[in-house]
Amino acid sequence: LKAEYESIDTDKELLIVKRNGKYGLYNKEGENLIDSQYDKIKPLPNGVNVIVSIKEKSYIYCLLDKHLDKSPYTSIRQLDENYLIVQSGESYGLSDTHGEVRIPISFQGIDKLKKGYSEYHPSIFRCDLNGKVGAYSIIDKRIVIATEFDNIEWWNQIVFKVKMGFKWGLYEIGKGYLTEIKYDSISPYNNTKITVSSN
């Protein structure tokens, strides 16, 4: 690079450059990816996205296709290697790494639905709204479990544990309730049976 920058910082295979108080981005081959016009540039751990910010708005840049999404966000953070949580005002949605919004920006929180300690549903996500929890399918592009529960956990395939107050039940997407919501706990017994407890 030419000696025209105030600073050059390395982040893996990227070079974050500063000129006239603004930041830009090069790869290590010296190719200019983003002109020096932003207040902040932050590569994400997924190695695919860079978040660029200007005038308190953030944008998604994808290194794979060298595309800068023009949708402005209040904040952007990485959920996992495939998805980003995007915020606009007080509302949150889900974007993929190319900047396509997969869950509308209309919820108070979004997270992955967990089964056990380390397994997560690949296409159905937890959505929080007005103090309650539901589930959104990015394949069906709709809410598949209404935001009316106190907690939801992934059970298997399209069956979920749902909680109201202190009680749990089982809910299958497309069918509805498999049990009443009246159990203190629900645990797997084998592939076809469950163990429940109720005081």
Protein backbone atom coordinates (compact mmCIF):
# COMPACT_ATOMS: atom_id res chain seq x y z
CA LEU A 1 0.00 0.00 0.00
CA LYS A 2 1.06 3.55 -0.61
CA ALA A 3 2.36 5.56 2.36
CA GLU A 4 -0.78 7.73 2.48
CA TYR A 5 -2.60 6.30 5.47
CA GLU A 6 -2.62 7.44 9.09
CA SER A 7 -2.79 3.85 10.28
CA ILE A 8 -2.99 0.30 8.93
CA ASP A 9 -4.35 -2.48 11.17
CA THR A 10 -4.36 -6.17 10.31
CA ASP A 11 -7.31 -8.46 10.94
CA LYS A 12 -6.56 -11.97 9.62
CA GLU A 13 -6.44 -11.54 5.81
CA LEU A 14 -7.72 -7.95 5.88
CA LEU A 15 -6.10 -4.53 6.22
CA ILE A 16 -8.11 -1.76 7.89
CA VAL A 17 -6.72 1.57 6.73
CA LYS A 18 -7.33 5.08 8.01
CA ARG A 19 -7.08 8.22 5.89
CA ASN A 20 -8.30 11.72 6.83
CA GLY A 21 -9.96 10.23 9.90
CA LYS A 22 -12.01 7.72 7.89
CA TYR A 23 -11.59 3.95 7.53
CA GLY A 24 -11.41 1.71 4.50
CA LEU A 25 -10.54 -1.90 3.77
CA TYR A 26 -8.03 -3.81 1.64
CA ASN A 27 -7.27 -7.49 1.37
CA LYS A 28 -3.68 -8.67 1.77
CA GLU A 29 -3.27 -8.78 -2.00
CA GLY A 30 -3.62 -5.00 -1.98
CA GLU A 31 -7.11 -4.95 -3.53
CA ASN A 32 -9.24 -2.03 -2.37
CA LEU A 33 -12.49 -3.52 -1.01
CA ILE A 34 -14.02 -0.49 0.73
CA ASP A 35 -13.04 3.14 0.20
CA SER A 36 -11.89 5.19 3.21
CA GLN A 37 -15.19 6.87 4.03
CA TYR A 38 -16.48 5.17 7.17
CA ASP A 39 -16.30 6.09 10.86
CA LYS A 40 -15.67 2.47 11.88
CA ILE A 41 -14.96 -0.88 10.23
CA LYS A 42 -15.28 -4.14 12.16
CA PRO A 43 -14.64 -7.59 10.60
CA LEU A 44 -16.80 -10.31 12.18
CA PRO A 45 -15.42 -13.66 13.43
CA ASN A 46 -17.29 -15.57 10.70
CA GLY A 47 -14.68 -14.42 8.20
CA VAL A 48 -17.45 -13.48 5.76
CA ASN A 49 -18.80 -10.15 6.95
CA VAL A 50 -17.46 -6.74 7.77
CA ILE A 51 -19.63 -4.18 9.55
CA VAL A 52 -19.08 -0.61 8.34
CA SER A 53 -20.50 2.37 10.24
CA ILE A 54 -21.07 6.00 9.36
CA LYS A 55 -23.19 8.68 11.05
CA GLU A 56 -24.33 6.18 13.72
CA LYS A 57 -25.70 3.75 11.10
CA SER A 58 -24.21 0.33 10.35
CA TYR A 59 -24.15 -1.66 7.10
CA ILE A 60 -23.28 -5.25 6.14
CA TYR A 61 -20.41 -5.90 3.72
CA CYS A 62 -20.01 -9.44 2.37
CA LEU A 63 -16.45 -10.47 1.50
CA LEU A 64 -17.61 -13.40 -0.64
CA ASP A 65 -19.29 -11.33 -3.33
CA LYS A 66 -17.77 -7.95 -2.34
CA HIS A 67 -21.25 -6.54 -1.87
CA LEU A 68 -22.23 -3.72 0.48
CA ASP A 69 -25.86 -3.95 1.58
CA LYS A 70 -27.39 -0.47 1.66
CA SER A 71 -29.87 -1.18 4.46
CA PRO A 72 -28.97 1.00 7.49
CA TYR A 73 -29.09 -0.54 10.96
CA THR A 74 -28.68 0.75 14.49
CA SER A 75 -26.44 -2.22 15.29
CA ILE A 76 -25.36 -5.56 13.82
CA ARG A 77 -23.90 -8.56 15.61
CA GLN A 78 -23.02 -12.08 14.59
CA LEU A 79 -25.37 -14.83 15.77
CA ASP A 80 -23.42 -17.68 14.18
CA GLU A 81 -21.40 -18.33 11.00
CA ASN A 82 -24.53 -18.00 8.82
CA TYR A 83 -26.68 -15.30 10.40
CA LEU A 84 -26.54 -11.82 11.87
CA ILE A 85 -28.84 -10.09 14.36
CA VAL A 86 -29.78 -6.69 12.94
CA GLN A 87 -31.33 -3.85 14.94
CA SER A 88 -33.34 -0.90 13.71
CA GLY A 89 -34.46 1.44 16.47
CA GLU A 90 -35.72 -0.79 19.28
CA SER A 91 -36.58 -3.75 17.03
CA TYR A 92 -34.54 -6.77 15.94
CA GLY A 93 -34.52 -9.08 12.93
CA LEU A 94 -32.31 -11.73 11.32
CA SER A 95 -30.13 -11.27 8.24
CA ASP A 96 -28.02 -13.78 6.36
CA THR A 97 -24.40 -13.00 5.55
CA HIS A 98 -25.35 -11.47 2.17
CA GLY A 99 -27.61 -8.90 3.81
CA GLU A 100 -30.94 -10.56 3.00
CA VAL A 101 -33.38 -10.15 5.89
CA ARG A 102 -34.67 -13.60 6.86
CA ILE A 103 -36.77 -12.57 9.88
CA PRO A 104 -38.59 -9.21 9.79
CA ILE A 105 -37.18 -6.47 12.01
CA SER A 106 -40.17 -6.40 14.32
CA PHE A 107 -39.17 -8.31 17.46
CA GLN A 108 -37.67 -7.37 20.82
CA GLY A 109 -35.19 -10.22 20.66
CA ILE A 110 -34.07 -13.11 18.44
CA ASP A 111 -31.99 -16.15 19.33
CA LYS A 112 -31.35 -19.74 18.34
CA LEU A 113 -33.55 -22.52 19.74
CA LYS A 114 -31.48 -24.95 21.71
CA LYS A 115 -31.72 -28.69 22.34
CA GLY A 116 -29.42 -29.90 25.07
CA TYR A 117 -26.18 -28.02 25.54
CA SER A 118 -24.86 -27.54 22.03
CA GLU A 119 -27.43 -28.45 19.35
CA TYR A 120 -29.55 -25.76 17.71
CA HIS A 121 -32.43 -25.85 15.24
CA PRO A 122 -31.07 -24.85 11.80
CA SER A 123 -34.09 -22.95 10.48
CA ILE A 124 -36.46 -22.12 13.37
CA PHE A 125 -35.54 -19.27 15.70
CA ARG A 126 -36.79 -17.96 19.02
CA CYS A 127 -38.52 -14.56 18.80
CA ASP A 128 -39.39 -12.34 21.77
CA LEU A 129 -42.28 -9.88 21.67
CA ASN A 130 -44.05 -8.05 24.51
CA GLY A 131 -42.46 -10.22 27.16
CA LYS A 132 -43.50 -13.49 25.49
CA VAL A 133 -41.70 -16.01 23.29
CA GLY A 134 -42.60 -17.62 19.95
CA ALA A 135 -40.81 -19.25 17.02
CA TYR A 136 -40.20 -18.11 13.43
CA SER A 137 -39.34 -20.40 10.50
CA ILE A 138 -37.03 -18.86 7.88
CA ILE A 139 -38.09 -21.62 5.46
CA ASP A 140 -41.83 -21.02 5.83
CA LYS A 141 -41.21 -17.27 6.28
CA ARG A 142 -43.71 -16.96 9.09
CA ILE A 143 -44.34 -17.35 12.80
CA VAL A 144 -44.89 -21.07 13.41
CA ILE A 145 -45.40 -20.86 17.18
CA ALA A 146 -47.29 -17.82 18.43
CA THR A 147 -45.47 -15.39 20.72
CA GLU A 148 -47.54 -16.30 23.78
CA PHE A 149 -45.20 -18.48 25.87
CA ASP A 150 -42.78 -17.81 28.70
CA ASN A 151 -40.13 -20.12 27.25
CA ILE A 152 -39.58 -22.48 24.31
CA GLU A 153 -37.01 -25.24 23.88
CA TRP A 154 -36.37 -27.44 20.86
CA TRP A 155 -37.36 -31.07 21.50
CA ASN A 156 -36.80 -32.83 18.16
CA GLN A 157 -37.51 -32.12 14.49
CA ILE A 158 -40.62 -29.88 14.65
CA VAL A 159 -41.65 -30.66 18.25
CA PHE A 160 -40.94 -28.08 20.96
CA LYS A 161 -41.30 -27.81 24.72
CA VAL A 162 -43.42 -24.77 25.57
CA LYS A 163 -43.77 -23.16 28.97
CA MET A 164 -46.52 -21.06 30.51
CA GLY A 165 -45.92 -19.86 34.04
CA PHE A 166 -44.12 -22.74 35.73
CA LYS A 167 -45.63 -25.55 33.63
CA TRP A 168 -44.45 -27.28 30.45
CA GLY A 169 -46.13 -29.01 27.53
CA LEU A 170 -45.24 -30.31 24.06
CA TYR A 171 -46.18 -28.53 20.84
CA GLU A 172 -45.76 -29.78 17.26
CA ILE A 173 -45.63 -27.29 14.40
CA GLY A 174 -48.55 -27.90 12.04
CA LYS A 175 -50.50 -29.99 14.58
CA GLY A 176 -50.61 -28.01 17.80
CA TYR A 177 -50.43 -29.29 21.36
CA LEU A 178 -49.29 -32.88 21.89
CA THR A 179 -49.81 -32.58 25.66
CA GLU A 180 -51.49 -30.16 28.00
CA ILE A 181 -49.29 -27.49 29.56
CA LYS A 182 -49.40 -28.90 33.08
CA TYR A 183 -46.08 -30.62 33.78
CA ASP A 184 -43.25 -29.47 36.02
CA SER A 185 -40.74 -31.19 33.74
CA ILE A 186 -40.64 -33.18 30.51
CA SER A 187 -37.68 -35.39 29.65
CA PRO A 188 -36.94 -37.94 26.90
CA TYR A 189 -37.26 -41.63 27.82
CA ASN A 190 -36.53 -43.24 24.43
CA ASN A 191 -37.35 -42.53 20.78
CA THR A 192 -41.09 -42.95 21.30
CA LYS A 193 -41.72 -42.17 24.99
CA ILE A 194 -41.26 -39.27 27.37
CA THR A 195 -41.01 -38.89 31.14
CA VAL A 196 -43.15 -36.22 32.79
CA SER A 197 -43.45 -35.05 36.38
CA SER A 198 -46.16 -33.01 38.04
CA ASN A 199 -46.68 -31.96 41.64
